[in-house]
Amino acid sequence: MLRGSRAPIVAGAGAVALAAILMFFLVLPKMGQVSSAQADLDAAEAQQLTLESQLAALQQAEAAAPEAKATIQRVEQQIPPTVDEPGLLLLIRNAATRSGIAFSNLTPGTPTLDATSGLSTIPLAITATGSYFQIAEFLYSIETLPRAAKVLTVTLAPGTSAEGSTTTVTNLLQLQASAVLYTSDQSAGPGSEPGPTEDAAAVGGA
């Protein structure tokens, strides 16, 4: 009687054991595969978002490239990589011609490196004669040149003309002014030979 009652218990235990074996060998590995696949999917989605973000940034940079190039060209025109003294003097003389003033002195000084801005400044001494409006137009032209320039000091005095031993005051004014122009050539300065910064760096590296 006792032996017969144990049969269902043994059968139940066998079923539980079989279920555990199936769980261990079949279900758990599949669950692990599902978890691994989900992790791979999450990683792929994150990578896709990163790539889409990088693509958008590249497209934005490509769209902005023409404007950035134009800005660089404009800056290089305003602050050239060399002193270019002949070109500098030509700009000033053309401004004087347009305004109608007459030069008596136009002297560029020795370039000096400004450690704060990293640019070399080129001083310019100007002495000229003209009417008030001619001088005003000339000074405005200096500060609106294609090349960056700044007028530092301005002194005006009555113009005079000498006739024999007599000095006559005219309706013209005499201008004495100082101005500065700029170059990105850091080799320009006292004791240096102005030239392209790249050349100076190449010589220094050699």
N, C-alpha and C. Protein backbone atom coordinates (compact mmCIF):
# COMPACT_ATOMS: atom_id res chain seq x y z
N MET A 1 0.84 -1.20 0.00
CA MET A 1 0.00 0.00 0.00
C MET A 1 0.87 1.25 0.00
N LEU A 2 1.90 1.25 0.79
CA LEU A 2 2.82 2.39 0.89
C LEU A 2 3.61 2.56 -0.39
N ARG A 3 3.98 1.35 -0.95
CA ARG A 3 4.75 1.41 -2.18
C ARG A 3 3.91 2.01 -3.30
N GLY A 4 2.66 1.71 -3.35
CA GLY A 4 1.80 2.24 -4.41
C GLY A 4 1.59 3.74 -4.28
N SER A 5 1.59 4.26 -3.06
CA SER A 5 1.38 5.70 -2.86
C SER A 5 2.60 6.52 -3.23
N ARG A 6 3.75 5.86 -3.29
CA ARG A 6 4.98 6.61 -3.64
C ARG A 6 5.09 6.84 -5.14
N ALA A 7 4.39 6.07 -5.92
CA ALA A 7 4.53 6.16 -7.38
C ALA A 7 4.19 7.55 -7.91
N PRO A 8 3.07 8.15 -7.49
CA PRO A 8 2.78 9.51 -7.99
C PRO A 8 3.83 10.52 -7.57
N ILE A 9 4.36 10.33 -6.35
CA ILE A 9 5.38 11.28 -5.86
C ILE A 9 6.63 11.19 -6.72
N VAL A 10 7.04 9.96 -7.00
CA VAL A 10 8.23 9.76 -7.83
C VAL A 10 8.01 10.33 -9.22
N ALA A 11 6.80 10.08 -9.75
CA ALA A 11 6.50 10.60 -11.09
C ALA A 11 6.52 12.12 -11.11
N GLY A 12 5.96 12.72 -10.03
CA GLY A 12 5.95 14.19 -9.96
C GLY A 12 7.36 14.75 -9.85
N ALA A 13 8.18 14.07 -9.03
CA ALA A 13 9.56 14.52 -8.89
C ALA A 13 10.30 14.41 -10.21
N GLY A 14 10.01 13.33 -10.94
CA GLY A 14 10.65 13.17 -12.25
C GLY A 14 10.25 14.27 -13.21
N ALA A 15 8.97 14.63 -13.16
CA ALA A 15 8.49 15.69 -14.05
C ALA A 15 9.16 17.03 -13.72
N VAL A 16 9.28 17.30 -12.41
CA VAL A 16 9.94 18.54 -11.99
C VAL A 16 11.39 18.55 -12.44
N ALA A 17 12.06 17.40 -12.27
CA ALA A 17 13.46 17.31 -12.68
C ALA A 17 13.59 17.51 -14.18
N LEU A 18 12.67 16.91 -14.93
CA LEU A 18 12.71 17.07 -16.39
C LEU A 18 12.49 18.52 -16.79
N ALA A 19 11.55 19.16 -16.09
CA ALA A 19 11.28 20.57 -16.39
C ALA A 19 12.51 21.43 -16.08
N ALA A 20 13.18 21.09 -14.97
CA ALA A 20 14.38 21.85 -14.61
C ALA A 20 15.47 21.65 -15.65
N ILE A 21 15.60 20.41 -16.13
CA ILE A 21 16.62 20.13 -17.15
C ILE A 21 16.32 20.89 -18.44
N LEU A 22 15.03 20.86 -18.84
CA LEU A 22 14.64 21.60 -20.04
C LEU A 22 14.88 23.10 -19.87
N MET A 23 14.56 23.61 -18.68
CA MET A 23 14.79 25.03 -18.40
C MET A 23 16.27 25.38 -18.52
N PHE A 24 17.11 24.51 -17.96
CA PHE A 24 18.55 24.78 -17.92
C PHE A 24 19.19 24.69 -19.31
N PHE A 25 18.79 23.68 -20.08
CA PHE A 25 19.45 23.44 -21.36
C PHE A 25 18.78 24.14 -22.55
N LEU A 26 17.51 24.46 -22.42
CA LEU A 26 16.81 25.03 -23.56
C LEU A 26 16.35 26.48 -23.34
N VAL A 27 15.64 26.71 -22.24
CA VAL A 27 15.03 28.02 -22.04
C VAL A 27 16.06 29.08 -21.66
N LEU A 28 16.92 28.76 -20.68
CA LEU A 28 17.89 29.76 -20.22
C LEU A 28 18.85 30.20 -21.33
N PRO A 29 19.40 29.29 -22.14
CA PRO A 29 20.25 29.75 -23.25
C PRO A 29 19.52 30.67 -24.21
N LYS A 30 18.24 30.33 -24.48
CA LYS A 30 17.47 31.19 -25.38
C LYS A 30 17.26 32.58 -24.77
N MET A 31 17.00 32.61 -23.46
CA MET A 31 16.84 33.89 -22.79
C MET A 31 18.13 34.71 -22.86
N GLY A 32 19.27 34.00 -22.70
CA GLY A 32 20.56 34.69 -22.81
C GLY A 32 20.78 35.25 -24.20
N GLN A 33 20.38 34.47 -25.21
CA GLN A 33 20.52 34.93 -26.59
C GLN A 33 19.64 36.16 -26.85
N VAL A 34 18.43 36.13 -26.29
CA VAL A 34 17.53 37.28 -26.45
C VAL A 34 18.12 38.52 -25.80
N SER A 35 18.67 38.36 -24.59
CA SER A 35 19.28 39.50 -23.89
C SER A 35 20.47 40.04 -24.68
N SER A 36 21.29 39.13 -25.22
CA SER A 36 22.45 39.55 -26.01
C SER A 36 22.02 40.28 -27.28
N ALA A 37 20.97 39.74 -27.92
CA ALA A 37 20.46 40.38 -29.14
C ALA A 37 19.91 41.77 -28.83
N GLN A 38 19.23 41.92 -27.69
CA GLN A 38 18.69 43.22 -27.30
C GLN A 38 19.81 44.23 -27.05
N ALA A 39 20.90 43.74 -26.39
CA ALA A 39 22.04 44.61 -26.13
C ALA A 39 22.69 45.05 -27.44
N ASP A 40 22.81 44.10 -28.39
CA ASP A 40 23.38 44.45 -29.70
C ASP A 40 22.49 45.46 -30.42
N LEU A 41 21.18 45.28 -30.31
CA LEU A 41 20.25 46.21 -30.94
C LEU A 41 20.37 47.60 -30.34
N ASP A 42 20.46 47.67 -29.01
CA ASP A 42 20.61 48.97 -28.34
C ASP A 42 21.91 49.66 -28.77
N ALA A 43 22.99 48.87 -28.86
CA ALA A 43 24.28 49.44 -29.27
C ALA A 43 24.21 49.94 -30.71
N ALA A 44 23.54 49.17 -31.58
CA ALA A 44 23.41 49.58 -32.98
C ALA A 44 22.60 50.86 -33.10
N GLU A 45 21.53 50.97 -32.31
CA GLU A 45 20.71 52.18 -32.36
C GLU A 45 21.49 53.39 -31.85
N ALA A 46 22.29 53.19 -30.79
CA ALA A 46 23.10 54.29 -30.26
C ALA A 46 24.14 54.72 -31.29
N GLN A 47 24.75 53.74 -31.97
CA GLN A 47 25.74 54.06 -33.00
C GLN A 47 25.10 54.80 -34.16
N GLN A 48 23.88 54.39 -34.51
CA GLN A 48 23.17 55.06 -35.60
C GLN A 48 22.90 56.52 -35.25
N LEU A 49 22.48 56.77 -34.00
CA LEU A 49 22.24 58.14 -33.57
C LEU A 49 23.52 58.97 -33.63
N THR A 50 24.65 58.35 -33.22
CA THR A 50 25.93 59.05 -33.27
C THR A 50 26.31 59.39 -34.70
N LEU A 51 26.15 58.42 -35.60
CA LEU A 51 26.48 58.64 -37.01
C LEU A 51 25.59 59.71 -37.63
N GLU A 52 24.31 59.69 -37.27
CA GLU A 52 23.39 60.70 -37.80
C GLU A 52 23.78 62.09 -37.30
N SER A 53 24.20 62.17 -36.03
CA SER A 53 24.64 63.45 -35.48
C SER A 53 25.90 63.95 -36.18
N GLN A 54 26.86 63.03 -36.42
CA GLN A 54 28.08 63.40 -37.12
C GLN A 54 27.79 63.83 -38.56
N LEU A 55 26.87 63.12 -39.21
CA LEU A 55 26.50 63.47 -40.58
C LEU A 55 25.88 64.87 -40.63
N ALA A 56 25.00 65.16 -39.66
CA ALA A 56 24.37 66.49 -39.62
C ALA A 56 25.42 67.58 -39.41
N ALA A 57 26.41 67.30 -38.54
CA ALA A 57 27.47 68.28 -38.30
C ALA A 57 28.31 68.50 -39.55
N LEU A 58 28.62 67.42 -40.27
CA LEU A 58 29.39 67.54 -41.51
C LEU A 58 28.61 68.31 -42.57
N GLN A 59 27.32 68.04 -42.67
CA GLN A 59 26.49 68.75 -43.65
C GLN A 59 26.41 70.24 -43.31
N GLN A 60 26.32 70.54 -42.01
CA GLN A 60 26.28 71.94 -41.58
C GLN A 60 27.61 72.64 -41.89
N ALA A 61 28.73 71.93 -41.62
CA ALA A 61 30.04 72.50 -41.91
C ALA A 61 30.22 72.72 -43.41
N GLU A 62 29.73 71.77 -44.21
CA GLU A 62 29.83 71.91 -45.66
C GLU A 62 29.03 73.11 -46.16
N ALA A 63 27.84 73.29 -45.58
CA ALA A 63 27.01 74.42 -45.98
C ALA A 63 27.64 75.75 -45.60
N ALA A 64 28.37 75.76 -44.46
CA ALA A 64 28.98 77.01 -43.98
C ALA A 64 30.35 77.26 -44.58
N ALA A 65 30.90 76.28 -45.31
CA ALA A 65 32.26 76.40 -45.84
C ALA A 65 32.45 77.62 -46.74
N PRO A 66 31.55 77.90 -47.70
CA PRO A 66 31.77 79.08 -48.55
C PRO A 66 31.83 80.39 -47.76
N GLU A 67 30.96 80.52 -46.76
CA GLU A 67 30.96 81.73 -45.95
C GLU A 67 32.25 81.83 -45.13
N ALA A 68 32.69 80.69 -44.57
CA ALA A 68 33.94 80.69 -43.80
C ALA A 68 35.13 81.04 -44.68
N LYS A 69 35.15 80.50 -45.90
CA LYS A 69 36.24 80.80 -46.84
C LYS A 69 36.26 82.28 -47.19
N ALA A 70 35.07 82.84 -47.42
CA ALA A 70 34.99 84.27 -47.74
C ALA A 70 35.47 85.12 -46.57
N THR A 71 35.15 84.70 -45.34
CA THR A 71 35.59 85.44 -44.16
C THR A 71 37.11 85.40 -44.04
N ILE A 72 37.70 84.22 -44.28
CA ILE A 72 39.16 84.08 -44.22
C ILE A 72 39.83 84.97 -45.26
N GLN A 73 39.29 84.98 -46.47
CA GLN A 73 39.85 85.81 -47.53
C GLN A 73 39.75 87.29 -47.19
N ARG A 74 38.62 87.68 -46.57
CA ARG A 74 38.43 89.08 -46.21
C ARG A 74 39.42 89.49 -45.12
N VAL A 75 39.64 88.61 -44.14
CA VAL A 75 40.59 88.91 -43.07
C VAL A 75 42.01 88.99 -43.62
N GLU A 76 42.36 88.08 -44.54
CA GLU A 76 43.70 88.09 -45.12
C GLU A 76 43.93 89.34 -45.96
N GLN A 77 42.86 89.88 -46.55
CA GLN A 77 42.99 91.12 -47.30
C GLN A 77 43.19 92.30 -46.34
N GLN A 78 42.47 92.30 -45.23
CA GLN A 78 42.58 93.39 -44.28
C GLN A 78 43.87 93.31 -43.47
N ILE A 79 44.30 92.09 -43.14
CA ILE A 79 45.54 91.90 -42.38
C ILE A 79 46.38 90.90 -43.17
N PRO A 80 47.14 91.37 -44.15
CA PRO A 80 47.87 90.46 -45.04
C PRO A 80 49.02 89.76 -44.32
N PRO A 81 49.52 88.65 -44.90
CA PRO A 81 50.59 87.89 -44.27
C PRO A 81 51.98 88.50 -44.44
N THR A 82 52.09 89.59 -45.20
CA THR A 82 53.37 90.29 -45.36
C THR A 82 53.14 91.78 -45.20
N VAL A 83 54.22 92.52 -44.96
CA VAL A 83 54.11 93.98 -44.81
C VAL A 83 53.64 94.63 -46.10
N ASP A 84 54.19 94.21 -47.24
CA ASP A 84 53.82 94.74 -48.56
C ASP A 84 53.82 96.27 -48.54
N GLU A 85 54.99 96.85 -48.27
CA GLU A 85 55.09 98.31 -48.16
C GLU A 85 54.68 99.04 -49.44
N PRO A 86 55.08 98.57 -50.64
CA PRO A 86 54.63 99.28 -51.85
C PRO A 86 53.11 99.31 -51.98
N GLY A 87 52.46 98.18 -51.68
CA GLY A 87 51.00 98.15 -51.76
C GLY A 87 50.37 99.05 -50.71
N LEU A 88 50.97 99.09 -49.53
CA LEU A 88 50.48 99.94 -48.45
C LEU A 88 50.52 101.41 -48.87
N LEU A 89 51.67 101.85 -49.40
CA LEU A 89 51.83 103.25 -49.80
C LEU A 89 50.89 103.60 -50.96
N LEU A 90 50.67 102.63 -51.85
CA LEU A 90 49.77 102.88 -52.98
C LEU A 90 48.35 103.14 -52.49
N LEU A 91 47.90 102.37 -51.50
CA LEU A 91 46.57 102.58 -50.94
C LEU A 91 46.44 103.98 -50.34
N ILE A 92 47.46 104.40 -49.59
CA ILE A 92 47.42 105.72 -48.95
C ILE A 92 47.43 106.84 -49.99
N ARG A 93 48.27 106.69 -51.01
CA ARG A 93 48.36 107.73 -52.05
C ARG A 93 47.06 107.81 -52.85
N ASN A 94 46.44 106.67 -53.11
CA ASN A 94 45.16 106.69 -53.83
C ASN A 94 44.09 107.39 -53.00
N ALA A 95 44.10 107.15 -51.68
CA ALA A 95 43.14 107.83 -50.80
C ALA A 95 43.37 109.33 -50.82
N ALA A 96 44.64 109.75 -50.85
CA ALA A 96 44.96 111.18 -50.90
C ALA A 96 44.50 111.79 -52.22
N THR A 97 44.69 111.07 -53.31
CA THR A 97 44.28 111.57 -54.62
C THR A 97 42.77 111.76 -54.68
N ARG A 98 42.03 110.79 -54.16
CA ARG A 98 40.57 110.89 -54.18
C ARG A 98 40.07 112.06 -53.34
N SER A 99 40.73 112.32 -52.22
CA SER A 99 40.27 113.40 -51.33
C SER A 99 40.79 114.76 -51.76
N GLY A 100 41.88 114.79 -52.54
CA GLY A 100 42.40 116.06 -53.04
C GLY A 100 43.47 116.71 -52.19
N ILE A 101 43.98 116.02 -51.16
CA ILE A 101 45.04 116.62 -50.34
C ILE A 101 46.39 116.43 -51.03
N ALA A 102 47.38 117.21 -50.58
CA ALA A 102 48.73 117.13 -51.14
C ALA A 102 49.70 116.70 -50.04
N PHE A 103 50.44 115.61 -50.27
CA PHE A 103 51.41 115.12 -49.29
C PHE A 103 52.67 115.98 -49.31
N SER A 104 53.22 116.19 -48.13
CA SER A 104 54.58 116.69 -48.03
C SER A 104 55.48 115.66 -47.34
N ASN A 105 54.84 114.67 -46.69
CA ASN A 105 55.61 113.59 -46.07
C ASN A 105 54.70 112.38 -45.87
N LEU A 106 55.21 111.22 -46.25
CA LEU A 106 54.51 109.95 -46.03
C LEU A 106 55.57 108.90 -45.76
N THR A 107 55.76 108.57 -44.48
CA THR A 107 56.88 107.71 -44.09
C THR A 107 56.40 106.53 -43.25
N PRO A 108 56.54 105.31 -43.76
CA PRO A 108 56.25 104.13 -42.93
C PRO A 108 57.41 103.85 -42.00
N GLY A 109 57.10 103.40 -40.78
CA GLY A 109 58.14 103.08 -39.81
C GLY A 109 58.44 101.59 -39.79
N THR A 110 59.27 101.19 -38.85
CA THR A 110 59.67 99.79 -38.71
C THR A 110 58.54 99.00 -38.05
N PRO A 111 58.13 97.88 -38.63
CA PRO A 111 57.07 97.07 -38.02
C PRO A 111 57.48 96.59 -36.62
N THR A 112 56.49 96.50 -35.74
CA THR A 112 56.73 96.07 -34.36
C THR A 112 55.70 95.01 -33.99
N LEU A 113 56.17 93.91 -33.42
CA LEU A 113 55.27 92.83 -33.03
C LEU A 113 54.52 93.21 -31.76
N ASP A 114 53.20 93.07 -31.81
CA ASP A 114 52.34 93.27 -30.64
C ASP A 114 52.07 91.90 -30.03
N ALA A 115 52.69 91.63 -28.88
CA ALA A 115 52.57 90.31 -28.27
C ALA A 115 51.14 90.00 -27.84
N THR A 116 50.35 91.03 -27.56
CA THR A 116 48.98 90.81 -27.11
C THR A 116 48.09 90.29 -28.23
N SER A 117 48.16 90.95 -29.39
CA SER A 117 47.31 90.55 -30.51
C SER A 117 47.96 89.51 -31.41
N GLY A 118 49.29 89.38 -31.32
CA GLY A 118 49.99 88.46 -32.21
C GLY A 118 50.19 89.02 -33.60
N LEU A 119 49.90 90.31 -33.79
CA LEU A 119 50.06 90.96 -35.09
C LEU A 119 51.24 91.93 -35.03
N SER A 120 51.80 92.21 -36.19
CA SER A 120 52.83 93.24 -36.29
C SER A 120 52.17 94.53 -36.76
N THR A 121 52.48 95.63 -36.07
CA THR A 121 51.92 96.93 -36.43
C THR A 121 52.95 97.73 -37.22
N ILE A 122 52.46 98.45 -38.23
CA ILE A 122 53.33 99.24 -39.10
C ILE A 122 52.96 100.71 -38.90
N PRO A 123 53.80 101.50 -38.22
CA PRO A 123 53.48 102.91 -38.00
C PRO A 123 53.64 103.71 -39.29
N LEU A 124 52.86 104.76 -39.40
CA LEU A 124 52.88 105.59 -40.60
C LEU A 124 52.78 107.06 -40.18
N ALA A 125 53.77 107.87 -40.60
CA ALA A 125 53.75 109.31 -40.33
C ALA A 125 53.29 110.04 -41.58
N ILE A 126 52.32 110.94 -41.40
CA ILE A 126 51.70 111.63 -42.54
C ILE A 126 51.73 113.14 -42.30
N THR A 127 52.20 113.86 -43.30
CA THR A 127 52.09 115.32 -43.31
C THR A 127 51.51 115.72 -44.66
N ALA A 128 50.44 116.51 -44.63
CA ALA A 128 49.76 116.87 -45.88
C ALA A 128 49.05 118.20 -45.72
N THR A 129 48.62 118.75 -46.85
CA THR A 129 47.91 120.03 -46.85
C THR A 129 46.61 119.87 -47.64
N GLY A 130 45.54 120.49 -47.11
CA GLY A 130 44.27 120.43 -47.80
C GLY A 130 43.23 121.22 -47.03
N SER A 131 42.03 121.31 -47.59
CA SER A 131 40.95 121.97 -46.88
C SER A 131 40.44 121.06 -45.77
N TYR A 132 39.60 121.63 -44.91
CA TYR A 132 39.07 120.85 -43.79
C TYR A 132 38.32 119.62 -44.31
N PHE A 133 37.48 119.82 -45.31
CA PHE A 133 36.67 118.71 -45.82
C PHE A 133 37.54 117.69 -46.57
N GLN A 134 38.57 118.15 -47.26
CA GLN A 134 39.48 117.22 -47.92
C GLN A 134 40.21 116.35 -46.89
N ILE A 135 40.66 116.98 -45.82
CA ILE A 135 41.36 116.22 -44.77
C ILE A 135 40.41 115.25 -44.08
N ALA A 136 39.18 115.70 -43.82
CA ALA A 136 38.20 114.81 -43.18
C ALA A 136 37.92 113.60 -44.07
N GLU A 137 37.80 113.83 -45.37
CA GLU A 137 37.55 112.72 -46.29
C GLU A 137 38.75 111.78 -46.34
N PHE A 138 39.95 112.34 -46.31
CA PHE A 138 41.16 111.52 -46.35
C PHE A 138 41.26 110.64 -45.10
N LEU A 139 41.02 111.21 -43.93
CA LEU A 139 41.10 110.43 -42.69
C LEU A 139 40.05 109.32 -42.67
N TYR A 140 38.87 109.63 -43.18
CA TYR A 140 37.82 108.60 -43.28
C TYR A 140 38.26 107.49 -44.22
N SER A 141 38.89 107.88 -45.33
CA SER A 141 39.36 106.88 -46.31
C SER A 141 40.41 105.96 -45.70
N ILE A 142 41.27 106.52 -44.84
CA ILE A 142 42.31 105.71 -44.21
C ILE A 142 41.69 104.59 -43.39
N GLU A 143 40.65 104.91 -42.63
CA GLU A 143 40.06 103.92 -41.73
C GLU A 143 39.05 103.02 -42.43
N THR A 144 38.81 103.24 -43.71
CA THR A 144 37.91 102.36 -44.47
C THR A 144 38.64 101.75 -45.67
N LEU A 145 39.96 101.67 -45.58
CA LEU A 145 40.74 101.03 -46.64
C LEU A 145 40.43 99.54 -46.70
N PRO A 146 40.69 98.89 -47.85
CA PRO A 146 40.57 97.43 -47.90
C PRO A 146 41.50 96.75 -46.88
N ARG A 147 42.59 97.43 -46.54
CA ARG A 147 43.52 96.93 -45.55
C ARG A 147 43.26 97.62 -44.22
N ALA A 148 43.24 96.86 -43.12
CA ALA A 148 42.92 97.42 -41.81
C ALA A 148 43.92 98.49 -41.41
N ALA A 149 43.41 99.65 -41.00
CA ALA A 149 44.26 100.77 -40.58
C ALA A 149 43.52 101.57 -39.52
N LYS A 150 44.30 102.25 -38.68
CA LYS A 150 43.71 103.06 -37.62
C LYS A 150 44.51 104.34 -37.47
N VAL A 151 43.81 105.48 -37.47
CA VAL A 151 44.45 106.78 -37.25
C VAL A 151 44.59 106.99 -35.75
N LEU A 152 45.82 107.26 -35.29
CA LEU A 152 46.08 107.39 -33.85
C LEU A 152 46.03 108.84 -33.39
N THR A 153 46.71 109.73 -34.11
CA THR A 153 46.76 111.14 -33.70
C THR A 153 46.54 112.03 -34.92
N VAL A 154 45.93 113.18 -34.67
CA VAL A 154 45.69 114.17 -35.73
C VAL A 154 45.97 115.56 -35.17
N THR A 155 46.78 116.33 -35.88
CA THR A 155 47.05 117.72 -35.52
C THR A 155 46.82 118.59 -36.75
N LEU A 156 46.03 119.65 -36.58
CA LEU A 156 45.75 120.57 -37.68
C LEU A 156 46.30 121.95 -37.33
N ALA A 157 46.87 122.61 -38.34
CA ALA A 157 47.40 123.96 -38.16
C ALA A 157 47.07 124.76 -39.42
N PRO A 158 46.98 126.09 -39.28
CA PRO A 158 46.71 126.90 -40.47
C PRO A 158 47.80 126.70 -41.52
N GLY A 159 47.37 126.56 -42.76
CA GLY A 159 48.34 126.41 -43.84
C GLY A 159 48.94 127.77 -44.18
N THR A 160 50.19 127.76 -44.62
CA THR A 160 50.87 129.01 -44.99
C THR A 160 51.57 128.83 -46.32
N SER A 161 51.80 129.93 -46.99
CA SER A 161 52.59 129.91 -48.22
C SER A 161 53.61 131.04 -48.14
N ALA A 162 54.81 130.77 -48.56
CA ALA A 162 55.89 131.77 -48.48
C ALA A 162 56.07 132.44 -49.83
N GLU A 163 56.01 133.76 -49.84
CA GLU A 163 56.24 134.54 -51.05
C GLU A 163 57.32 135.58 -50.73
N GLY A 164 58.52 135.31 -51.17
CA GLY A 164 59.64 136.19 -50.84
C GLY A 164 59.91 136.11 -49.36
N SER A 165 59.86 137.24 -48.69
CA SER A 165 60.10 137.28 -47.25
C SER A 165 58.80 137.32 -46.46
N THR A 166 57.66 137.16 -47.18
CA THR A 166 56.35 137.25 -46.52
C THR A 166 55.71 135.88 -46.43
N THR A 167 55.17 135.57 -45.25
CA THR A 167 54.45 134.31 -45.05
C THR A 167 52.97 134.63 -44.94
N THR A 168 52.19 134.02 -45.82
CA THR A 168 50.76 134.32 -45.88
C THR A 168 49.95 133.11 -45.41
N VAL A 169 48.96 133.37 -44.56
CA VAL A 169 48.06 132.30 -44.12
C VAL A 169 47.03 132.05 -45.21
N THR A 170 46.87 130.80 -45.60
CA THR A 170 45.92 130.44 -46.65
C THR A 170 44.67 129.83 -46.04
N ASN A 171 43.70 129.48 -46.90
CA ASN A 171 42.49 128.83 -46.41
C ASN A 171 42.66 127.31 -46.29
N LEU A 172 43.89 126.85 -46.49
CA LEU A 172 44.19 125.43 -46.35
C LEU A 172 44.70 125.13 -44.95
N LEU A 173 44.64 123.87 -44.59
CA LEU A 173 45.14 123.41 -43.29
C LEU A 173 46.30 122.45 -43.51
N GLN A 174 47.20 122.46 -42.55
CA GLN A 174 48.30 121.49 -42.58
C GLN A 174 47.97 120.36 -41.61
N LEU A 175 48.04 119.14 -42.13
CA LEU A 175 47.72 117.95 -41.34
C LEU A 175 49.00 117.23 -40.95
N GLN A 176 49.10 116.91 -39.69
CA GLN A 176 50.13 115.99 -39.20
C GLN A 176 49.40 114.87 -38.47
N ALA A 177 49.61 113.65 -38.94
CA ALA A 177 48.87 112.52 -38.37
C ALA A 177 49.77 111.30 -38.26
N SER A 178 49.41 110.43 -37.34
CA SER A 178 50.07 109.12 -37.23
C SER A 178 49.01 108.04 -37.33
N ALA A 179 49.34 106.98 -38.01
CA ALA A 179 48.41 105.87 -38.20
C ALA A 179 49.17 104.56 -38.10
N VAL A 180 48.44 103.47 -37.96
CA VAL A 180 49.05 102.14 -37.96
C VAL A 180 48.28 101.23 -38.90
N LEU A 181 49.01 100.35 -39.56
CA LEU A 181 48.43 99.27 -40.33
C LEU A 181 48.96 97.97 -39.76
N TYR A 182 48.44 96.85 -40.24
CA TYR A 182 48.73 95.58 -39.58
C TYR A 182 49.14 94.50 -40.59
N THR A 183 49.92 93.55 -40.09
CA THR A 183 50.24 92.35 -40.84
C THR A 183 50.28 91.17 -39.87
N SER A 184 49.92 90.00 -40.36
CA SER A 184 49.97 88.80 -39.51
C SER A 184 51.36 88.18 -39.48
N ASP A 185 52.31 88.81 -40.17
CA ASP A 185 53.70 88.32 -40.20
C ASP A 185 54.36 88.63 -38.86
N GLN A 186 54.53 87.61 -38.02
CA GLN A 186 55.12 87.82 -36.71
C GLN A 186 56.64 87.99 -36.77
N SER A 187 57.24 87.73 -37.94
CA SER A 187 58.68 87.93 -38.06
C SER A 187 59.01 89.39 -38.33
N ALA A 188 57.98 90.20 -38.65
CA ALA A 188 58.22 91.62 -38.89
C ALA A 188 58.47 92.32 -37.57
N GLY A 189 59.48 93.15 -37.54
CA GLY A 189 59.79 93.86 -36.31
C GLY A 189 61.23 94.33 -36.30
N PRO A 190 61.62 95.11 -35.29
CA PRO A 190 62.99 95.62 -35.22
C PRO A 190 64.01 94.49 -35.30
N GLY A 191 64.97 94.65 -36.20
CA GLY A 191 66.03 93.66 -36.33
C GLY A 191 65.67 92.44 -37.14
N SER A 192 64.45 92.39 -37.68
CA SER A 192 64.06 91.23 -38.48
C SER A 192 63.80 91.65 -39.91
N GLU A 193 63.84 90.70 -40.80
CA GLU A 193 63.57 90.96 -42.20
C GLU A 193 62.12 90.59 -42.48
N PRO A 194 61.24 91.57 -42.72
CA PRO A 194 59.83 91.24 -42.93
C PRO A 194 59.66 90.23 -44.05
N GLY A 195 58.80 89.25 -43.81
CA GLY A 195 58.53 88.22 -44.81
C GLY A 195 57.43 87.33 -44.31
N PRO A 196 56.96 86.38 -45.12
CA PRO A 196 55.86 85.51 -44.70
C PRO A 196 56.21 84.74 -43.44
N THR A 197 55.23 84.61 -42.55
CA THR A 197 55.45 83.88 -41.31
C THR A 197 55.83 82.44 -41.58
N GLU A 198 55.22 81.82 -42.64
CA GLU A 198 55.51 80.42 -42.94
C GLU A 198 56.99 80.25 -43.28
N ASP A 199 57.55 81.19 -44.07
CA ASP A 199 58.95 81.09 -44.44
C ASP A 199 59.85 81.21 -43.22
N ALA A 200 59.47 82.13 -42.33
CA ALA A 200 60.28 82.32 -41.12
C ALA A 200 60.25 81.07 -40.27
N ALA A 201 59.06 80.43 -40.17
CA ALA A 201 58.94 79.22 -39.37
C ALA A 201 59.75 78.09 -39.99
N ALA A 202 59.76 78.03 -41.34
CA ALA A 202 60.50 76.98 -42.02
C ALA A 202 62.00 77.14 -41.79
N VAL A 203 62.47 78.40 -41.84
CA VAL A 203 63.89 78.65 -41.60
C VAL A 203 64.26 78.30 -40.18
N GLY A 204 63.37 78.67 -39.23
CA GLY A 204 63.64 78.37 -37.83
C GLY A 204 63.68 76.88 -37.58
N GLY A 205 62.76 76.11 -38.29
CA GLY A 205 62.74 74.67 -38.10
C GLY A 205 63.95 74.00 -38.70
N ALA A 206 64.50 74.59 -39.81
CA ALA A 206 65.68 74.01 -40.43
C ALA A 206 66.89 74.20 -39.54
